[in-house]
């Protein structure tokens, strides 16, 4: 037999019906892993979306704020002090209210919602000495900033859960509805896109000046003097790590200044390692991997069993065990690729549907798809080698 004969491929395509079933089984296991990985990645991506849209080098938080959704704050006076640092060019405060923020849409019950302030520098034309860069790069904010300057107005996140009762027209703008925020009337003048996470099911954007009107008890009667996130911009060429360490020491124990990458890593580590949700999705991925091994084992074992007499002949002719190992390895790789391709298409459609329903960021990047391909290939290889044990250990005469 010529060494160029694609025996592994011919064994797979020899029975098209069985090949389709085998590819479907592998694809099913891959979709399971895609789904569990997708939810786990959404768990890690969604909490840091707010950090992704702020335009600054450093972010200051309270040292008691062990994750971003926690309502722990620091005094605004600290931000005024950092302006004296030669590396700092500008600062802004970001106010977030969750505990006292309840919204009620006419015809729907009152529900808690996240309310985020828009710094004045992002709403009004910048004057001399002001930075032209927006502090928040949120889709939909720039188009609606003129409307948001008006008193008692807000923007609503298009991805807010449907249970709130917000209605949108075909252009994604909020319909005319009666809305109350903290028992006070508020008008929705536009929408934006940010997304939900595992702690927040919806969001509103309001001008910073409106915070005092809707949350007068915030900060012990000084609603604008307690800050959730401090946004700090640096001079070109300044080291963010060195500046973060220096500014943290300036008010040690009162706040913590981190680079954007540090706060991303900190948040994602918390959700993946210190919450049961992250472990649940990891176990789900492993379960999909185990199910795939079982499915692939049955498929490859049946394939080997049906051709056992032919393999016995080759073994009697002197073909070594490494030939059969290589044969099964190639079959496993072919099968993993054939099952993976439709799984990617199904996962993309499934992710799009889930993102529309939940508002969570179900992103399928090349690196994430590659990790599932590696798991799928490994799953098929383990199954193939397990199925090969009988052939490798048996005497050729006993196989006829």
Protein backbone atom coordinates (compact mmCIF):
# COMPACT_ATOMS: atom_id res chain seq x y z
CA UNK A 1 0.00 0.00 0.00
CA UNK A 2 1.37 3.41 -0.94
CA UNK A 3 2.19 5.63 2.02
CA UNK A 4 0.40 8.39 0.15
CA UNK A 5 -2.97 6.63 0.32
CA UNK A 6 -5.24 8.87 2.48
CA UNK A 7 -6.53 5.88 4.43
CA UNK A 8 -7.73 7.93 7.38
CA UNK A 9 -9.77 10.26 5.18
CA UNK A 10 -11.20 7.41 3.07
CA UNK A 11 -12.27 5.56 6.21
CA UNK A 12 -14.23 8.62 7.29
CA UNK A 13 -15.95 9.36 3.99
CA UNK A 14 -16.59 5.71 3.15
CA UNK A 15 -19.91 5.91 4.96
CA UNK A 16 -21.34 9.45 4.38
CA UNK A 17 -24.30 8.92 6.70
CA UNK A 18 -22.05 7.87 9.56
CA UNK A 19 -19.70 10.79 8.83
CA UNK A 20 -22.59 13.27 9.10
CA UNK A 21 -23.68 11.75 12.39
CA UNK A 22 -20.09 11.82 13.68
CA UNK A 23 -19.59 15.45 12.66
CA UNK A 24 -22.92 16.36 14.25
CA UNK A 25 -21.87 14.70 17.50
CA UNK A 26 -18.55 16.56 17.58
CA UNK A 27 -20.30 19.78 16.61
CA UNK A 28 -22.82 19.35 19.43
CA UNK A 29 -20.01 19.02 21.97
CA UNK A 30 -18.24 22.04 20.47
CA UNK A 31 -21.43 24.15 20.68
CA UNK A 32 -21.73 23.16 24.36
CA UNK A 33 -18.20 24.39 24.99
CA UNK A 34 -18.79 27.54 22.93
CA UNK A 35 -21.91 28.34 24.96
CA UNK A 36 -20.28 27.82 28.35
CA UNK A 37 -17.19 29.75 27.26
CA UNK A 38 -19.43 32.48 25.87
CA UNK A 39 -21.23 32.94 29.18
CA UNK A 40 -17.95 32.87 31.10
CA UNK A 41 -16.42 35.47 28.77
CA UNK A 42 -19.57 37.58 29.14
CA UNK A 43 -19.09 37.36 32.90
CA UNK A 44 -15.55 38.70 32.49
CA UNK A 45 -16.23 41.27 29.75
CA UNK A 46 -19.44 42.88 30.99
CA UNK A 47 -18.22 44.29 34.35
CA UNK A 48 -15.37 46.20 32.67
CA UNK A 49 -17.42 47.74 29.86
CA UNK A 50 -17.62 51.01 31.75
CA UNK A 51 -13.83 51.03 32.09
CA UNK A 52 -13.53 50.38 28.36
CA UNK A 53 -15.53 53.50 27.45
CA UNK A 54 -13.79 56.04 29.72
CA UNK A 55 -11.02 58.01 28.03
CA UNK A 56 -8.23 58.40 30.58
CA UNK A 57 -5.03 56.73 31.70
CA UNK A 58 -5.79 56.22 35.41
CA UNK A 59 -8.90 55.38 37.41
CA UNK A 60 -9.23 56.14 41.11
CA UNK A 61 -11.54 54.09 43.35
CA UNK A 62 -12.18 53.61 47.05
CA UNK A 63 -9.94 50.89 48.57
CA UNK A 64 -13.14 49.29 49.93
CA UNK A 65 -14.55 48.91 46.42
CA UNK A 66 -13.55 45.27 45.87
CA UNK A 67 -15.60 45.15 42.66
CA UNK A 68 -17.07 47.94 40.53
CA UNK A 69 -20.77 47.39 41.40
CA UNK A 70 -20.08 47.96 45.13
CA UNK A 71 -21.21 51.38 46.43
CA UNK A 72 -17.98 52.53 48.10
CA UNK A 73 -16.78 56.07 47.38
CA UNK A 74 -14.08 58.65 48.15
CA UNK A 75 -14.23 62.45 48.62
CA UNK A 76 -14.07 64.66 45.55
CA UNK A 77 -11.47 66.83 47.25
CA UNK A 78 -8.84 64.18 46.47
CA UNK A 79 -9.35 64.74 42.73
CA UNK A 80 -8.79 68.47 43.21
CA UNK A 81 -5.52 67.75 44.99
CA UNK A 82 -4.05 65.61 42.20
CA UNK A 83 -4.14 68.52 39.77
CA UNK A 84 -0.97 69.73 41.47
CA UNK A 85 0.91 66.66 40.24
CA UNK A 86 3.08 67.63 37.23
CA UNK A 87 2.10 64.46 35.33
CA UNK A 88 -1.66 65.13 35.60
CA UNK A 89 -3.35 67.19 32.87
CA UNK A 90 -7.02 66.85 33.78
CA UNK A 91 -9.40 65.03 36.12
CA UNK A 92 -13.12 64.28 36.18
CA UNK A 93 -15.47 62.57 38.60
CA UNK A 94 -17.83 59.79 37.56
CA UNK A 95 -20.86 59.32 39.80
CA UNK A 96 -22.78 56.04 39.82
CA UNK A 97 -25.92 55.37 41.81
CA UNK A 98 -27.50 51.97 42.28
CA UNK A 99 -28.82 51.73 45.84
CA UNK A 100 -31.21 54.72 45.71
CA UNK A 101 -31.92 54.57 41.98
CA UNK A 102 -35.29 53.05 41.17
CA UNK A 103 -37.07 53.66 37.90
CA UNK A 104 -40.73 53.13 37.10
CA UNK A 105 -42.09 53.06 33.59
CA UNK A 106 -45.80 53.67 33.28
CA UNK A 107 -47.54 50.29 33.29
CA UNK A 108 -44.55 48.46 34.83
CA UNK A 109 -43.40 47.98 38.44
CA UNK A 110 -40.54 49.96 39.96
CA UNK A 111 -37.12 48.36 39.49
CA UNK A 112 -33.55 49.20 40.56
CA UNK A 113 -31.36 50.60 37.81
CA UNK A 114 -27.81 51.91 37.43
CA UNK A 115 -27.59 55.68 36.91
CA UNK A 116 -24.30 57.06 35.56
CA UNK A 117 -23.38 60.72 35.51
CA UNK A 118 -22.10 62.45 32.39
CA UNK A 119 -19.32 64.93 33.26
CA UNK A 120 -20.11 68.50 32.33
CA UNK A 121 -17.02 68.56 30.10
CA UNK A 122 -18.72 65.92 27.93
CA UNK A 123 -21.93 67.94 27.56
CA UNK A 124 -20.72 71.47 26.91
CA UNK A 125 -18.37 72.93 24.35
CA UNK A 126 -14.86 73.04 25.71
CA UNK A 127 -13.32 76.39 26.41
CA UNK A 128 -9.73 77.55 26.56
CA UNK A 129 -7.57 75.10 28.38
CA UNK A 130 -10.14 72.32 28.30
CA UNK A 131 -9.41 69.01 26.64
CA UNK A 132 -11.34 68.35 23.39
CA UNK A 133 -11.38 64.63 24.11
CA UNK A 134 -14.69 63.26 25.40
CA UNK A 135 -14.49 61.55 28.78
CA UNK A 136 -17.05 58.89 27.83
CA UNK A 137 -16.91 57.14 24.45
CA UNK A 138 -20.40 55.67 24.61
CA UNK A 139 -22.31 55.02 21.39
CA UNK A 140 -25.23 57.43 21.25
CA UNK A 141 -24.00 59.96 23.82
CA UNK A 142 -22.47 62.47 21.41
CA UNK A 143 -25.63 62.69 19.27
CA UNK A 144 -27.80 63.35 22.32
CA UNK A 145 -25.59 65.59 24.43
CA UNK A 146 -27.52 68.77 23.49
CA UNK A 147 -30.80 67.19 24.65
CA UNK A 148 -29.15 65.90 27.84
CA UNK A 149 -28.26 69.44 28.90
CA UNK A 150 -31.92 70.10 29.60
CA UNK A 151 -33.17 69.70 33.15
CA UNK A 152 -34.77 66.39 34.22
CA UNK A 153 -33.66 64.45 31.15
CA UNK A 154 -31.86 61.14 30.67
CA UNK A 155 -30.64 58.67 28.08
CA UNK A 156 -31.57 55.01 28.39
CA UNK A 157 -29.44 52.03 27.42
CA UNK A 158 -30.96 50.24 24.43
CA UNK A 159 -29.81 46.94 25.92
CA UNK A 160 -31.70 47.43 29.18
CA UNK A 161 -33.74 44.34 30.02
CA UNK A 162 -37.28 44.31 28.61
CA UNK A 163 -38.75 43.77 32.11
CA UNK A 164 -38.29 47.49 32.79
CA UNK A 165 -40.95 48.29 30.20
CA UNK A 166 -38.96 50.81 28.12
CA UNK A 167 -40.33 51.09 24.59
CA UNK A 168 -38.19 51.98 21.56
CA UNK A 169 -39.09 52.93 18.00
CA UNK A 170 -37.60 51.37 14.88
CA UNK A 171 -34.63 53.76 15.08
CA UNK A 172 -33.78 52.70 18.63
CA UNK A 173 -34.99 55.92 20.23
CA UNK A 174 -37.21 55.73 23.32
CA UNK A 175 -40.94 56.09 22.74
CA UNK A 176 -43.01 58.72 24.52
CA UNK A 177 -43.63 57.24 27.98
CA UNK A 178 -44.13 58.51 31.49
CA UNK A 179 -40.98 57.70 33.50
CA UNK A 180 -40.15 58.25 37.16
CA UNK A 181 -36.69 58.06 38.70
CA UNK A 182 -36.60 58.00 42.51
CA UNK A 183 -40.25 59.12 42.55
CA UNK A 184 -39.52 62.16 40.38
CA UNK A 185 -40.53 62.64 36.77
CA UNK A 186 -37.77 62.34 34.17
CA UNK A 187 -37.88 62.57 30.38
CA UNK A 188 -36.00 60.15 28.11
CA UNK A 189 -34.50 62.24 25.31
CA UNK A 190 -32.45 59.57 23.59
CA UNK A 191 -30.67 56.26 23.93
CA UNK A 192 -27.16 54.88 24.06
CA UNK A 193 -25.51 51.47 23.94
CA UNK A 194 -23.50 50.09 26.84
CA UNK A 195 -25.01 46.75 27.86
CA UNK A 196 -25.92 44.86 30.99
CA UNK A 197 -23.79 42.75 33.30
CA UNK A 198 -24.39 40.27 36.09
CA UNK A 199 -25.01 43.08 38.61
CA UNK A 200 -26.85 45.66 36.47
CA UNK A 201 -29.83 44.91 34.24
CA UNK A 202 -30.14 48.41 32.84
CA UNK A 203 -28.58 51.87 32.84
CA UNK A 204 -29.49 55.54 32.55
CA UNK A 205 -27.19 58.44 31.74
CA UNK A 206 -27.99 61.81 33.31
CA UNK A 207 -26.07 65.08 33.56
CA UNK A 208 -23.90 65.35 36.65
CA UNK A 209 -25.84 68.45 37.71
CA UNK A 210 -29.02 66.35 37.94
CA UNK A 211 -27.57 63.94 40.49
CA UNK A 212 -28.24 66.32 43.35
CA UNK A 213 -31.90 66.61 42.30
CA UNK A 214 -32.61 62.88 42.11
CA UNK A 215 -30.32 61.64 44.89
CA UNK A 216 -30.19 64.42 47.51
CA UNK A 217 -29.35 61.99 50.34
CA UNK A 218 -26.32 60.61 48.55
CA UNK A 219 -23.05 61.34 50.35
CA UNK A 220 -24.76 62.41 53.60
CA UNK A 221 -26.45 65.35 51.91
CA UNK A 222 -23.53 66.22 49.60
CA UNK A 223 -24.38 64.15 46.51
CA UNK A 224 -21.75 65.66 44.21
CA UNK A 225 -18.90 65.50 46.72
CA UNK A 226 -18.65 61.70 46.85
CA UNK A 227 -17.08 60.06 43.82
CA UNK A 228 -17.39 56.50 42.54
CA UNK A 229 -14.69 56.61 39.86
CA UNK A 230 -12.04 59.29 39.46
CA UNK A 231 -10.85 59.72 35.88
CA UNK A 232 -7.28 61.02 35.56
CA UNK A 233 -5.44 62.00 32.40
CA UNK A 234 -1.65 62.23 32.18
CA UNK A 235 0.91 64.15 30.18
CA UNK A 236 2.20 62.45 27.04
CA UNK A 237 5.15 60.26 27.95
CA UNK A 238 4.27 59.98 31.65
CA UNK A 239 4.41 56.46 33.08
CA UNK A 240 0.88 55.41 34.16
CA UNK A 241 2.26 52.82 36.60
CA UNK A 242 4.56 55.30 38.33
CA UNK A 243 1.87 57.98 38.44
CA UNK A 244 -0.67 55.53 39.86
CA UNK A 245 1.69 54.51 42.64
CA UNK A 246 2.58 58.12 43.45
CA UNK A 247 -1.04 59.32 43.52
CA UNK A 248 -2.14 56.38 45.66
CA UNK A 249 0.51 57.27 48.24
CA UNK A 250 -0.70 60.87 48.20
CA UNK A 251 -3.87 59.76 50.03
CA UNK A 252 -3.02 56.25 51.21
CA UNK A 253 -6.00 54.48 52.73
CA UNK A 254 -8.50 56.96 51.26
CA UNK A 255 -8.35 55.83 47.66
CA UNK A 256 -6.50 53.59 45.23
CA UNK A 257 -5.31 54.76 41.82
CA UNK A 258 -4.95 52.10 39.12
CA UNK A 259 -4.20 51.99 35.43
CA UNK A 260 -7.09 50.93 33.22
CA UNK A 261 -5.41 47.57 32.58
CA UNK A 262 -4.90 46.99 36.30
CA UNK A 263 -8.53 47.67 37.11
CA UNK A 264 -9.62 45.41 34.22
CA UNK A 265 -7.44 42.57 35.49
CA UNK A 266 -8.58 43.14 39.07
CA UNK A 267 -12.26 43.04 38.14
CA UNK A 268 -11.99 39.99 35.90
CA UNK A 269 -9.94 38.10 38.49
CA UNK A 270 -12.60 38.77 41.10
CA UNK A 271 -15.47 37.50 38.92
CA UNK A 272 -13.60 34.45 37.64
CA UNK A 273 -11.93 33.30 40.88
CA UNK A 274 -13.92 34.71 43.80
CA UNK A 275 -17.50 34.17 42.68
CA UNK A 276 -19.29 30.83 42.21
CA UNK A 277 -20.64 31.95 38.83
CA UNK A 278 -17.20 31.88 37.22
CA UNK A 279 -16.56 28.36 38.55
CA UNK A 280 -19.97 27.17 37.33
CA UNK A 281 -19.24 28.20 33.74
CA UNK A 282 -15.76 26.64 33.91
CA UNK A 283 -17.29 23.36 35.11
CA UNK A 284 -19.85 23.63 32.32
CA UNK A 285 -17.05 23.83 29.75
CA UNK A 286 -15.37 20.78 31.26
CA UNK A 287 -18.68 18.91 31.19
CA UNK A 288 -19.05 19.73 27.49
CA UNK A 289 -15.52 18.44 26.95
CA UNK A 290 -16.33 15.19 28.80
CA UNK A 291 -19.57 14.71 26.85
CA UNK A 292 -17.63 15.23 23.62
CA UNK A 293 -15.08 12.57 24.58
CA UNK A 294 -17.87 10.06 25.16
CA UNK A 295 -19.57 10.88 21.86
CA UNK A 296 -16.33 10.77 19.86
CA UNK A 297 -15.25 7.55 21.54
CA UNK A 298 -18.42 5.79 20.47
CA UNK A 299 -18.06 7.07 16.91
CA UNK A 300 -14.38 6.20 16.47
CA UNK A 301 -14.68 2.87 18.28
CA UNK A 302 -17.51 1.82 15.96
CA UNK A 303 -15.47 2.92 12.96
CA UNK A 304 -12.49 0.86 14.10
CA UNK A 305 -14.64 -2.14 15.00
CA UNK A 306 -16.21 -2.28 11.54
CA UNK A 307 -12.78 -2.28 9.86
CA UNK A 308 -11.10 -4.54 12.42
CA UNK A 309 -10.42 -7.39 9.97
CA UNK A 310 -8.70 -5.01 7.54
CA UNK A 311 -6.59 -3.57 10.33
CA UNK A 312 -5.72 -7.10 11.47
CA UNK A 313 -4.47 -7.88 7.97
CA UNK A 314 -2.26 -4.80 8.00
CA UNK A 315 -0.96 -5.72 11.44
CA UNK A 316 -0.19 -9.27 10.29
CA UNK A 317 1.71 -7.80 7.34
CA UNK A 318 4.02 -6.09 9.79
CA UNK A 319 2.64 -2.58 10.10
CA UNK A 320 3.74 -1.25 13.50
CA UNK A 321 1.47 0.17 16.15
CA UNK A 322 2.65 3.71 15.41
CA UNK A 323 1.05 3.38 11.96
CA UNK A 324 -2.36 2.75 13.54
CA UNK A 325 -1.83 5.51 16.09
CA UNK A 326 -1.04 7.95 13.28
CA UNK A 327 -4.09 6.72 11.37
CA UNK A 328 -6.44 7.35 14.28
CA UNK A 329 -4.81 10.70 15.09
CA UNK A 330 -5.46 11.90 11.54
CA UNK A 331 -9.03 10.64 11.68
CA UNK A 332 -9.53 12.48 14.95
CA UNK A 333 -8.17 15.74 13.55
CA UNK A 334 -10.33 15.47 10.42
CA UNK A 335 -13.39 14.75 12.54
CA UNK A 336 -12.70 17.65 14.89
CA UNK A 337 -12.43 20.09 11.97
CA UNK A 338 -15.57 18.76 10.27
CA UNK A 339 -17.53 19.14 13.51
CA UNK A 340 -16.00 22.48 14.44
CA UNK A 341 -16.88 24.38 11.26
CA UNK A 342 -20.69 24.12 11.61
CA UNK A 343 -20.32 24.62 15.38
CA UNK A 344 -18.74 28.06 14.77
CA UNK A 345 -21.67 29.10 12.57
CA UNK A 346 -24.22 27.87 15.12
CA UNK A 347 -22.33 29.57 17.97
CA UNK A 348 -22.30 32.91 16.12
CA UNK A 349 -26.06 32.77 15.58
CA UNK A 350 -26.64 31.64 19.16
CA UNK A 351 -24.42 34.40 20.57
CA UNK A 352 -26.26 37.03 18.53
CA UNK A 353 -29.60 35.81 19.83
CA UNK A 354 -28.39 35.64 23.46
CA UNK A 355 -26.85 39.12 23.30
CA UNK A 356 -30.14 40.48 21.97
CA UNK A 357 -32.13 38.78 24.76
CA UNK A 358 -29.81 39.45 27.71
CA UNK A 359 -27.78 42.52 26.74
CA UNK A 360 -24.60 40.69 27.75
CA UNK A 361 -21.55 40.96 25.45
CA UNK A 362 -21.42 37.55 23.79
CA UNK A 363 -18.29 38.18 21.71
CA UNK A 364 -16.66 35.42 19.68
CA UNK A 365 -13.10 36.47 18.91
CA UNK A 366 -10.53 34.56 16.87
CA UNK A 367 -8.55 33.66 20.00
CA UNK A 368 -11.66 32.38 21.79
CA UNK A 369 -12.72 30.33 18.78
CA UNK A 370 -9.16 28.98 18.59
CA UNK A 371 -9.29 27.83 22.20
CA UNK A 372 -12.47 25.86 21.50
CA UNK A 373 -10.86 24.36 18.38
CA UNK A 374 -7.94 23.21 20.53
CA UNK A 375 -10.34 21.65 23.04
CA UNK A 376 -12.34 19.99 20.25
CA UNK A 377 -9.21 18.53 18.65
CA UNK A 378 -7.90 17.34 22.02
CA UNK A 379 -11.30 15.81 22.76
CA UNK A 380 -11.23 13.83 19.49
CA UNK A 381 -7.60 12.77 19.99
CA UNK A 382 -8.28 11.40 23.49
CA UNK A 383 -11.34 9.55 22.20
CA UNK A 384 -9.44 8.09 19.26
CA UNK A 385 -6.55 6.85 21.37
CA UNK A 386 -8.96 5.27 23.85
CA UNK A 387 -10.79 3.54 21.02
CA UNK A 388 -7.47 2.25 19.62
CA UNK A 389 -6.46 0.31 22.73
CA UNK A 390 -8.02 -2.99 21.61
CA UNK A 391 -6.26 -2.95 18.24
CA UNK A 392 -2.84 -2.03 19.67
CA UNK A 393 -2.91 -4.71 22.37
CA UNK A 394 -4.47 -7.57 20.37
CA UNK A 395 -2.78 -10.41 18.53
CA UNK A 396 -3.54 -10.15 14.77
CA UNK A 397 -4.86 -13.71 14.65
CA UNK A 398 -7.47 -12.94 17.30
CA UNK A 399 -8.88 -10.05 15.28
CA UNK A 400 -10.15 -12.12 12.35
